[in-house]
Amino acid sequence: MSESAEAWVTPEQMTALRPTAVQMLYRFTQAATAAEVDAAQATATAELPLLGSQSYLAVKERVTSEVGVYVPFLMVFGFLGIAVAVLIVANIVSGAVVAGFRHIGVLKALGFPLAQVMAVYLLIVSVPAFLGCVLVGVALASSAGSAAPGCRVRSGSDRACRSPAPRAVR
């Protein structure tokens, strides 16, 4: 994301390669604000020749601002998808009511109140809809889980992902 490193090497490989410059990646314990990052960086690089630096906060800001451009389009297409789904369901339900017009008449002639007749048709529509939602939800959850191997959801949206062991270039 930061496009700052093209390769990772071990300290043993560094001695064999003899580079003219190296990149050090630091992970600070207090890095929530730019001031904390600057203070920790000044402490960590006090006696080192520093050619440049880039905070993860700047990278995070750049990445989130780039994604923010697409959000309105995604929202519009999401609402259009929901509207189309509602129209399709309404069409199917009205078709079921028209097809079952005689059945509804028989139920009414037998003395069923309107609420019970509506409950029957709501049940006829709700059971397949519920099963479809569950099956699609399970399929999406399993595909999302396989798309991010090494990650598990701990609580809510908090994800714990295994990352490779930290490799520092010295």
C-alpha atoms as a PDB file:
ATOM      1  CA  MET A   1       0.000   0.000   0.000  1.00  0.00           C
ATOM      2  CA  SER A   2       2.800   2.392   0.809  1.00  0.00           C
ATOM      3  CA  GLU A   3       4.824   1.234  -2.214  1.00  0.00           C
ATOM      4  CA  SER A   4       8.027   1.766  -0.267  1.00  0.00           C
ATOM      5  CA  ALA A   5       9.562  -1.714  -0.302  1.00  0.00           C
ATOM      6  CA  GLU A   6      10.118  -4.100  -3.174  1.00  0.00           C
ATOM      7  CA  ALA A   7      11.774  -6.972  -1.308  1.00  0.00           C
ATOM      8  CA  TRP A   8      12.358  -8.395   2.138  1.00  0.00           C
ATOM      9  CA  VAL A   9      15.665  -9.907   3.191  1.00  0.00           C
ATOM     10  CA  THR A  10      17.072 -11.451   6.330  1.00  0.00           C
ATOM     11  CA  PRO A  11      20.061  -9.973   8.162  1.00  0.00           C
ATOM     12  CA  GLU A  12      22.232 -12.759   6.726  1.00  0.00           C
ATOM     13  CA  GLN A  13      21.202 -11.810   3.193  1.00  0.00           C
ATOM     14  CA  MET A  14      21.988  -8.172   3.928  1.00  0.00           C
ATOM     15  CA  THR A  15      25.647  -8.948   4.543  1.00  0.00           C
ATOM     16  CA  ALA A  16      25.832 -10.830   1.253  1.00  0.00           C
ATOM     17  CA  LEU A  17      24.061  -8.117  -0.761  1.00  0.00           C
ATOM     18  CA  ARG A  18      25.952  -5.113   0.696  1.00  0.00           C
ATOM     19  CA  PRO A  19      23.301  -2.494  -0.109  1.00  0.00           C
ATOM     20  CA  THR A  20      24.079   1.218  -0.245  1.00  0.00           C
ATOM     21  CA  ALA A  21      20.902   2.107   1.691  1.00  0.00           C
ATOM     22  CA  VAL A  22      18.425   0.238   3.871  1.00  0.00           C
ATOM     23  CA  GLN A  23      14.865   0.711   4.949  1.00  0.00           C
ATOM     24  CA  MET A  24      13.857   0.252   8.575  1.00  0.00           C
ATOM     25  CA  LEU A  25      10.255  -0.385   9.489  1.00  0.00           C
ATOM     26  CA  TYR A  26       9.301   0.539  13.042  1.00  0.00           C
ATOM     27  CA  ARG A  27       6.197  -0.413  15.004  1.00  0.00           C
ATOM     28  CA  PHE A  28       5.641   1.985  17.885  1.00  0.00           C
ATOM     29  CA  THR A  29       3.554   1.189  20.943  1.00  0.00           C
ATOM     30  CA  GLN A  30       2.006   4.681  20.976  1.00  0.00           C
ATOM     31  CA  ALA A  31       1.085   5.683  17.423  1.00  0.00           C
ATOM     32  CA  ALA A  32      -2.505   6.882  17.450  1.00  0.00           C
ATOM     33  CA  THR A  33      -1.739  10.476  16.481  1.00  0.00           C
ATOM     34  CA  ALA A  34       0.800  12.165  14.255  1.00  0.00           C
ATOM     35  CA  ALA A  35       2.445  13.760  17.314  1.00  0.00           C
ATOM     36  CA  GLU A  36       2.961  10.361  18.950  1.00  0.00           C
ATOM     37  CA  VAL A  37       4.428   8.944  15.738  1.00  0.00           C
ATOM     38  CA  ASP A  38       6.760  11.929  15.348  1.00  0.00           C
ATOM     39  CA  ALA A  39       7.957  11.683  18.954  1.00  0.00           C
ATOM     40  CA  ALA A  40       8.575   7.936  18.733  1.00  0.00           C
ATOM     41  CA  GLN A  41      10.315   8.322  15.381  1.00  0.00           C
ATOM     42  CA  ALA A  42      12.587  11.046  16.732  1.00  0.00           C
ATOM     43  CA  THR A  43      13.554   8.791  19.624  1.00  0.00           C
ATOM     44  CA  ALA A  44      14.122   5.711  17.440  1.00  0.00           C
ATOM     45  CA  THR A  45      16.151   7.502  14.767  1.00  0.00           C
ATOM     46  CA  ALA A  46      18.031   9.961  16.970  1.00  0.00           C
ATOM     47  CA  GLU A  47      21.508   8.910  15.863  1.00  0.00           C
ATOM     48  CA  LEU A  48      20.687   7.546  12.401  1.00  0.00           C
ATOM     49  CA  PRO A  49      21.017   9.330   9.066  1.00  0.00           C
ATOM     50  CA  LEU A  50      17.394   9.724   8.040  1.00  0.00           C
ATOM     51  CA  LEU A  51      16.751  10.214   4.315  1.00  0.00           C
ATOM     52  CA  GLY A  52      12.974  10.188   4.579  1.00  0.00           C
ATOM     53  CA  SER A  53      10.041   8.828   6.499  1.00  0.00           C
ATOM     54  CA  GLN A  54       6.425   7.966   5.979  1.00  0.00           C
ATOM     55  CA  SER A  55       3.875   7.408   8.727  1.00  0.00           C
ATOM     56  CA  TYR A  56       1.232   4.744   8.474  1.00  0.00           C
ATOM     57  CA  LEU A  57      -1.279   7.481   9.315  1.00  0.00           C
ATOM     58  CA  ALA A  58      -0.489   9.198   6.001  1.00  0.00           C
ATOM     59  CA  VAL A  59      -0.813   5.919   4.111  1.00  0.00           C
ATOM     60  CA  LYS A  60      -4.082   5.162   5.909  1.00  0.00           C
ATOM     61  CA  GLU A  61      -5.457   8.595   5.031  1.00  0.00           C
ATOM     62  CA  ARG A  62      -4.501   8.192   1.364  1.00  0.00           C
ATOM     63  CA  VAL A  63      -6.050   4.744   1.084  1.00  0.00           C
ATOM     64  CA  THR A  64      -9.296   5.737   2.791  1.00  0.00           C
ATOM     65  CA  SER A  65      -9.629   8.873   0.677  1.00  0.00           C
ATOM     66  CA  GLU A  66      -9.217   6.866  -2.534  1.00  0.00           C
ATOM     67  CA  VAL A  67     -11.923   4.403  -1.486  1.00  0.00           C
ATOM     68  CA  GLY A  68     -14.242   7.231  -0.452  1.00  0.00           C
ATOM     69  CA  VAL A  69     -14.740   8.203  -4.098  1.00  0.00           C
ATOM     70  CA  TYR A  70     -16.552   4.929  -4.841  1.00  0.00           C
ATOM     71  CA  VAL A  71     -18.897   4.922  -1.850  1.00  0.00           C
ATOM     72  CA  PRO A  72     -21.678   7.092  -3.413  1.00  0.00           C
ATOM     73  CA  PHE A  73     -21.790   4.874  -6.502  1.00  0.00           C
ATOM     74  CA  LEU A  74     -21.929   1.737  -4.385  1.00  0.00           C
ATOM     75  CA  MET A  75     -24.735   3.223  -2.317  1.00  0.00           C
ATOM     76  CA  VAL A  76     -26.777   4.118  -5.415  1.00  0.00           C
ATOM     77  CA  PHE A  77     -26.339   0.657  -6.929  1.00  0.00           C
ATOM     78  CA  GLY A  78     -27.157  -0.934  -3.574  1.00  0.00           C
ATOM     79  CA  PHE A  79     -30.404   1.016  -3.323  1.00  0.00           C
ATOM     80  CA  LEU A  80     -31.249   0.173  -6.946  1.00  0.00           C
ATOM     81  CA  GLY A  81     -30.634  -3.512  -6.228  1.00  0.00           C
ATOM     82  CA  ILE A  82     -32.903  -3.403  -3.191  1.00  0.00           C
ATOM     83  CA  ALA A  83     -35.607  -1.567  -5.171  1.00  0.00           C
ATOM     84  CA  VAL A  84     -35.474  -4.152  -7.964  1.00  0.00           C
ATOM     85  CA  ALA A  85     -35.633  -6.987  -5.417  1.00  0.00           C
ATOM     86  CA  VAL A  86     -38.694  -5.417  -3.758  1.00  0.00           C
ATOM     87  CA  LEU A  87     -40.416  -5.028  -7.139  1.00  0.00           C
ATOM     88  CA  ILE A  88     -39.673  -8.650  -8.057  1.00  0.00           C
ATOM     89  CA  VAL A  89     -41.011  -9.916  -4.718  1.00  0.00           C
ATOM     90  CA  ALA A  90     -44.121  -7.721  -5.040  1.00  0.00           C
ATOM     91  CA  ASN A  91     -44.712  -9.081  -8.556  1.00  0.00           C
ATOM     92  CA  ILE A  92     -44.364 -12.676  -7.385  1.00  0.00           C
ATOM     93  CA  VAL A  93     -46.650 -12.140  -4.393  1.00  0.00           C
ATOM     94  CA  SER A  94     -49.308 -10.450  -6.517  1.00  0.00           C
ATOM     95  CA  GLY A  95     -49.025 -13.302  -9.017  1.00  0.00           C
ATOM     96  CA  ALA A  96     -49.488 -15.825  -6.210  1.00  0.00           C
ATOM     97  CA  VAL A  97     -52.541 -13.942  -4.955  1.00  0.00           C
ATOM     98  CA  VAL A  98     -54.069 -13.788  -8.451  1.00  0.00           C
ATOM     99  CA  ALA A  99     -53.281 -17.466  -9.053  1.00  0.00           C
ATOM    100  CA  GLY A 100     -54.773 -18.379  -5.672  1.00  0.00           C
ATOM    101  CA  PHE A 101     -57.828 -16.177  -6.065  1.00  0.00           C
ATOM    102  CA  ARG A 102     -60.138 -19.193  -6.078  1.00  0.00           C
ATOM    103  CA  HIS A 103     -58.323 -20.677  -3.056  1.00  0.00           C
ATOM    104  CA  ILE A 104     -58.741 -17.392  -1.170  1.00  0.00           C
ATOM    105  CA  GLY A 105     -62.440 -17.395  -2.024  1.00  0.00           C
ATOM    106  CA  VAL A 106     -62.826 -20.927  -0.692  1.00  0.00           C
ATOM    107  CA  LEU A 107     -61.044 -20.000   2.540  1.00  0.00           C
ATOM    108  CA  LYS A 108     -63.269 -16.932   2.951  1.00  0.00           C
ATOM    109  CA  ALA A 109     -66.394 -19.015   2.193  1.00  0.00           C
ATOM    110  CA  LEU A 110     -65.360 -21.493   4.899  1.00  0.00           C
ATOM    111  CA  GLY A 111     -65.301 -18.607   7.369  1.00  0.00           C
ATOM    112  CA  PHE A 112     -61.609 -17.865   7.678  1.00  0.00           C
ATOM    113  CA  PRO A 113     -61.041 -14.264   8.702  1.00  0.00           C
ATOM    114  CA  LEU A 114     -58.984 -12.004   6.452  1.00  0.00           C
ATOM    115  CA  ALA A 115     -56.080 -12.042   8.935  1.00  0.00           C
ATOM    116  CA  GLN A 116     -55.750 -15.842   8.696  1.00  0.00           C
ATOM    117  CA  VAL A 117     -55.910 -15.783   4.897  1.00  0.00           C
ATOM    118  CA  MET A 118     -53.190 -13.142   4.821  1.00  0.00           C
ATOM    119  CA  ALA A 119     -51.142 -15.187   7.301  1.00  0.00           C
ATOM    120  CA  VAL A 120     -51.288 -18.202   4.984  1.00  0.00           C
ATOM    121  CA  TYR A 121     -50.001 -16.181   2.030  1.00  0.00           C
ATOM    122  CA  LEU A 122     -47.348 -14.443   4.137  1.00  0.00           C
ATOM    123  CA  LEU A 123     -46.158 -17.883   5.255  1.00  0.00           C
ATOM    124  CA  ILE A 124     -46.095 -19.116   1.658  1.00  0.00           C
ATOM    125  CA  VAL A 125     -43.872 -16.153   0.727  1.00  0.00           C
ATOM    126  CA  SER A 126     -41.791 -15.950   3.920  1.00  0.00           C
ATOM    127  CA  VAL A 127     -40.548 -19.540   4.132  1.00  0.00           C
ATOM    128  CA  PRO A 128     -38.724 -19.545   0.757  1.00  0.00           C
ATOM    129  CA  ALA A 129     -37.458 -16.004   1.395  1.00  0.00           C
ATOM    130  CA  PHE A 130     -36.056 -17.001   4.807  1.00  0.00           C
ATOM    131  CA  LEU A 131     -34.440 -20.138   3.409  1.00  0.00           C
ATOM    132  CA  GLY A 132     -32.928 -18.138   0.555  1.00  0.00           C
ATOM    133  CA  CYS A 133     -31.517 -15.542   2.939  1.00  0.00           C
ATOM    134  CA  VAL A 134     -30.003 -18.221   5.175  1.00  0.00           C
ATOM    135  CA  LEU A 135     -28.480 -20.151   2.262  1.00  0.00           C
ATOM    136  CA  VAL A 136     -27.088 -17.015   0.595  1.00  0.00           C
ATOM    137  CA  GLY A 137     -25.816 -15.731   3.951  1.00  0.00           C
ATOM    138  CA  VAL A 138     -24.010 -19.005   4.667  1.00  0.00           C
ATOM    139  CA  ALA A 139     -22.540 -19.059   1.162  1.00  0.00           C
ATOM    140  CA  LEU A 140     -21.314 -15.463   1.433  1.00  0.00           C
ATOM    141  CA  ALA A 141     -19.888 -16.020   4.908  1.00  0.00           C
ATOM    142  CA  SER A 142     -18.014 -19.123   3.837  1.00  0.00           C
ATOM    143  CA  SER A 143     -16.645 -17.438   0.718  1.00  0.00           C
ATOM    144  CA  ALA A 144     -15.574 -14.385   2.739  1.00  0.00           C
ATOM    145  CA  GLY A 145     -13.852 -16.661   5.232  1.00  0.00           C
ATOM    146  CA  SER A 146     -11.949 -18.464   2.500  1.00  0.00           C
ATOM    147  CA  ALA A 147     -11.004 -15.178   0.824  1.00  0.00           C
ATOM    148  CA  ALA A 148      -9.029 -14.106   3.893  1.00  0.00           C
ATOM    149  CA  PRO A 149      -7.079 -17.151   5.057  1.00  0.00           C
ATOM    150  CA  GLY A 150      -5.478 -16.777   8.442  1.00  0.00           C
ATOM    151  CA  CYS A 151      -8.147 -14.368   9.679  1.00  0.00           C
ATOM    152  CA  ARG A 152     -10.818 -15.057  12.233  1.00  0.00           C
ATOM    153  CA  VAL A 153     -13.508 -12.787  13.584  1.00  0.00           C
ATOM    154  CA  ARG A 154     -13.155 -12.260  17.324  1.00  0.00           C
ATOM    155  CA  SER A 155     -16.078  -9.996  18.183  1.00  0.00           C
ATOM    156  CA  GLY A 156     -18.199  -7.846  15.949  1.00  0.00           C
ATOM    157  CA  SER A 157     -16.026  -6.525  13.145  1.00  0.00           C
ATOM    158  CA  ASP A 158     -12.773  -7.033  15.064  1.00  0.00           C
ATOM    159  CA  ARG A 159     -10.597  -9.350  12.986  1.00  0.00           C
ATOM    160  CA  ALA A 160      -7.492 -11.123  14.120  1.00  0.00           C
ATOM    161  CA  CYS A 161      -5.242 -12.001  11.198  1.00  0.00           C
ATOM    162  CA  ARG A 162      -2.060 -13.997  11.257  1.00  0.00           C
ATOM    163  CA  SER A 163       0.702 -12.115   9.588  1.00  0.00           C
ATOM    164  CA  PRO A 164       4.094 -13.424   8.688  1.00  0.00           C
ATOM    165  CA  ALA A 165       6.759 -13.064  11.324  1.00  0.00           C
ATOM    166  CA  PRO A 166       8.119  -9.502  11.376  1.00  0.00           C
ATOM    167  CA  ARG A 167      11.148  -9.171   9.171  1.00  0.00           C
ATOM    168  CA  ALA A 168      13.360  -6.220   9.848  1.00  0.00           C
ATOM    169  CA  VAL A 169      16.246  -5.149   7.687  1.00  0.00           C
ATOM    170  CA  ARG A 170      19.211  -4.059   9.748  1.00  0.00           C
END
